[in-house]
Structures are given as C-alpha cells and as structure tokens.
C-alpha atoms as a PDB file:
ATOM      1  CA  MET A   1     -10.380   3.419   7.100  1.00  0.00           C
ATOM      2  CA  ILE A   2      -9.719  -0.122   8.208  1.00  0.00           C
ATOM      3  CA  VAL A   3      -8.503  -2.332   5.169  1.00  0.00           C
ATOM      4  CA  CYS A   4      -8.095  -5.847   7.524  1.00  0.00           C
ATOM      5  CA  HIS A   5     -10.501  -6.237  10.106  1.00  0.00           C
ATOM      6  CA  CYS A   6      -8.987  -9.436  11.428  1.00  0.00           C
ATOM      7  CA  GLN A   7      -5.394  -7.799  11.981  1.00  0.00           C
ATOM      8  CA  VAL A   8      -6.665  -4.060  12.312  1.00  0.00           C
ATOM      9  CA  VAL A   9      -4.690  -2.695   9.650  1.00  0.00           C
ATOM     10  CA  SER A  10      -5.653   0.827   7.757  1.00  0.00           C
ATOM     11  CA  ASP A  11      -5.128   2.360   4.635  1.00  0.00           C
ATOM     12  CA  ARG A  12      -2.540   4.489   6.593  1.00  0.00           C
ATOM     13  CA  ASP A  13      -0.588   1.290   7.490  1.00  0.00           C
ATOM     14  CA  VAL A  14      -0.462  -0.119   3.875  1.00  0.00           C
ATOM     15  CA  ALA A  15       1.041   3.732   2.685  1.00  0.00           C
ATOM     16  CA  ARG A  16       3.454   3.258   5.214  1.00  0.00           C
ATOM     17  CA  ALA A  17       4.368  -0.257   4.141  1.00  0.00           C
ATOM     18  CA  VAL A  18       4.630   0.760   0.561  1.00  0.00           C
ATOM     19  CA  ASP A  19       6.382   4.143   1.800  1.00  0.00           C
ATOM     20  CA  ALA A  20       9.050   1.761   3.030  1.00  0.00           C
ATOM     21  CA  GLY A  21       9.781  -0.291   0.086  1.00  0.00           C
ATOM     22  CA  ALA A  22       6.993  -3.067   0.116  1.00  0.00           C
ATOM     23  CA  ARG A  23       6.205  -3.436  -3.930  1.00  0.00           C
ATOM     24  CA  SER A  24       3.692  -5.927  -3.519  1.00  0.00           C
ATOM     25  CA  VAL A  25       0.789  -7.129  -2.382  1.00  0.00           C
ATOM     26  CA  SER A  26       2.623 -10.015  -0.403  1.00  0.00           C
ATOM     27  CA  ALA A  27       4.760  -7.449   0.809  1.00  0.00           C
ATOM     28  CA  VAL A  28       2.652  -5.557   2.163  1.00  0.00           C
ATOM     29  CA  CYS A  29       0.453  -8.319   4.106  1.00  0.00           C
ATOM     30  CA  ARG A  30       3.931  -9.763   5.065  1.00  0.00           C
ATOM     31  CA  SER A  31       4.587  -6.105   6.648  1.00  0.00           C
ATOM     32  CA  THR A  32       1.274  -4.933   8.251  1.00  0.00           C
ATOM     33  CA  GLY A  33       0.203  -8.963   9.021  1.00  0.00           C
ATOM     34  CA  ALA A  34      -2.866  -7.703   6.786  1.00  0.00           C
ATOM     35  CA  GLY A  35      -4.552 -10.625   4.682  1.00  0.00           C
ATOM     36  CA  GLN A  36      -3.123 -13.300   6.838  1.00  0.00           C
ATOM     37  CA  ASP A  37      -6.629 -14.564   8.102  1.00  0.00           C
ATOM     38  CA  CYS A  38      -9.699 -14.723   6.160  1.00  0.00           C
ATOM     39  CA  GLY A  39      -8.172 -13.055   2.942  1.00  0.00           C
ATOM     40  CA  SER A  40     -11.421 -10.757   2.425  1.00  0.00           C
ATOM     41  CA  CYS A  41      -9.273  -7.729   2.396  1.00  0.00           C
ATOM     42  CA  VAL A  42      -6.363  -8.813  -0.525  1.00  0.00           C
ATOM     43  CA  PHE A  43      -8.524  -6.981  -3.327  1.00  0.00           C
ATOM     44  CA  THR A  44      -8.810  -4.211  -1.362  1.00  0.00           C
ATOM     45  CA  LEU A  45      -5.192  -3.918  -0.520  1.00  0.00           C
ATOM     46  CA  LYS A  46      -4.016  -4.736  -4.005  1.00  0.00           C
ATOM     47  CA  THR A  47      -5.883  -1.875  -5.088  1.00  0.00           C
ATOM     48  CA  LEU A  48      -4.534   0.826  -2.311  1.00  0.00           C
ATOM     49  CA  VAL A  49      -0.892  -0.577  -2.945  1.00  0.00           C
ATOM     50  CA  CYS A  50      -1.350   0.517  -6.874  1.00  0.00           C
ATOM     51  CA  GLN A  51      -3.035   3.487  -6.169  1.00  0.00           C
ATOM     52  CA  HIS A  52      -0.578   4.831  -3.741  1.00  0.00           C
ATOM     53  CA  GLN A  53       2.342   3.744  -5.877  1.00  0.00           C
ATOM     54  CA  GLU A  54       0.846   5.403  -9.082  1.00  0.00           C
ATOM     55  CA  VAL A  55       0.339   8.519  -6.445  1.00  0.00           C
ATOM     56  CA  SER A  56       4.276   7.813  -5.800  1.00  0.00           C
ATOM     57  CA  ARG A  57       5.395   7.672  -9.233  1.00  0.00           C
ATOM     58  CA  SER A  58       3.174  10.770 -10.275  1.00  0.00           C
ATOM     59  CA  SER A  59       5.060  12.934  -6.996  1.00  0.00           C
ATOM     60  CA  LEU A  60       8.279  11.740  -8.536  1.00  0.00           C
ATOM     61  CA  LEU A  61       7.898  12.601 -12.228  1.00  0.00           C
ATOM     62  CA  GLU A  62       6.611  16.076 -11.045  1.00  0.00           C
ATOM     63  CA  VAL A  63       9.764  16.749  -9.028  1.00  0.00           C
ATOM     64  CA  GLU A  64      11.701  15.414 -11.959  1.00  0.00           C
ATOM     65  CA  GLY A  65       9.998  17.653 -14.382  1.00  0.00           C
ATOM     66  CA  ALA A  66      10.584  20.572 -12.188  1.00  0.00           C
ATOM     67  CA  ALA A  67      14.384  19.978 -12.158  1.00  0.00           C
ATOM     68  CA  SER A  68      14.701  20.086 -15.521  1.00  0.00           C
END
C-alpha cells in the first residue's frame, strides 16, 4: 500500500526503515522521504511505526519466552 503519494513510499518501505533502526516518525521520514511535501501521510506513518514496533516487540517477547 502506498502511504506517501508525494514520494511514493509504501508501508513496506516504512517497515524496512523501522527494521533498520528508525524509532520515530521523523526518523522514518528522514529515511524514506515520506512526509516531506504535503504532510498528509504523517498520521498514517505514525500508525504504521507504532504497529510495526509492537509486532517487533511481541516477536522478541515470544523468542525470549521460548528461550527460558
């Protein structure tokens, strides 16, 4: 799904940026170029960043739980 139409940034681009270390919307914007023009995608970006971080956190907890 295209999140930022101005810079043609997809939800997968956002996920890759978070996986690469972006921990905030502004870091994702710097990494992907999203949110630089009209800014209408910022709320969607925030939602995606939060969702992706939560999924990553849940996966980490599952791995830690399996190891103990």
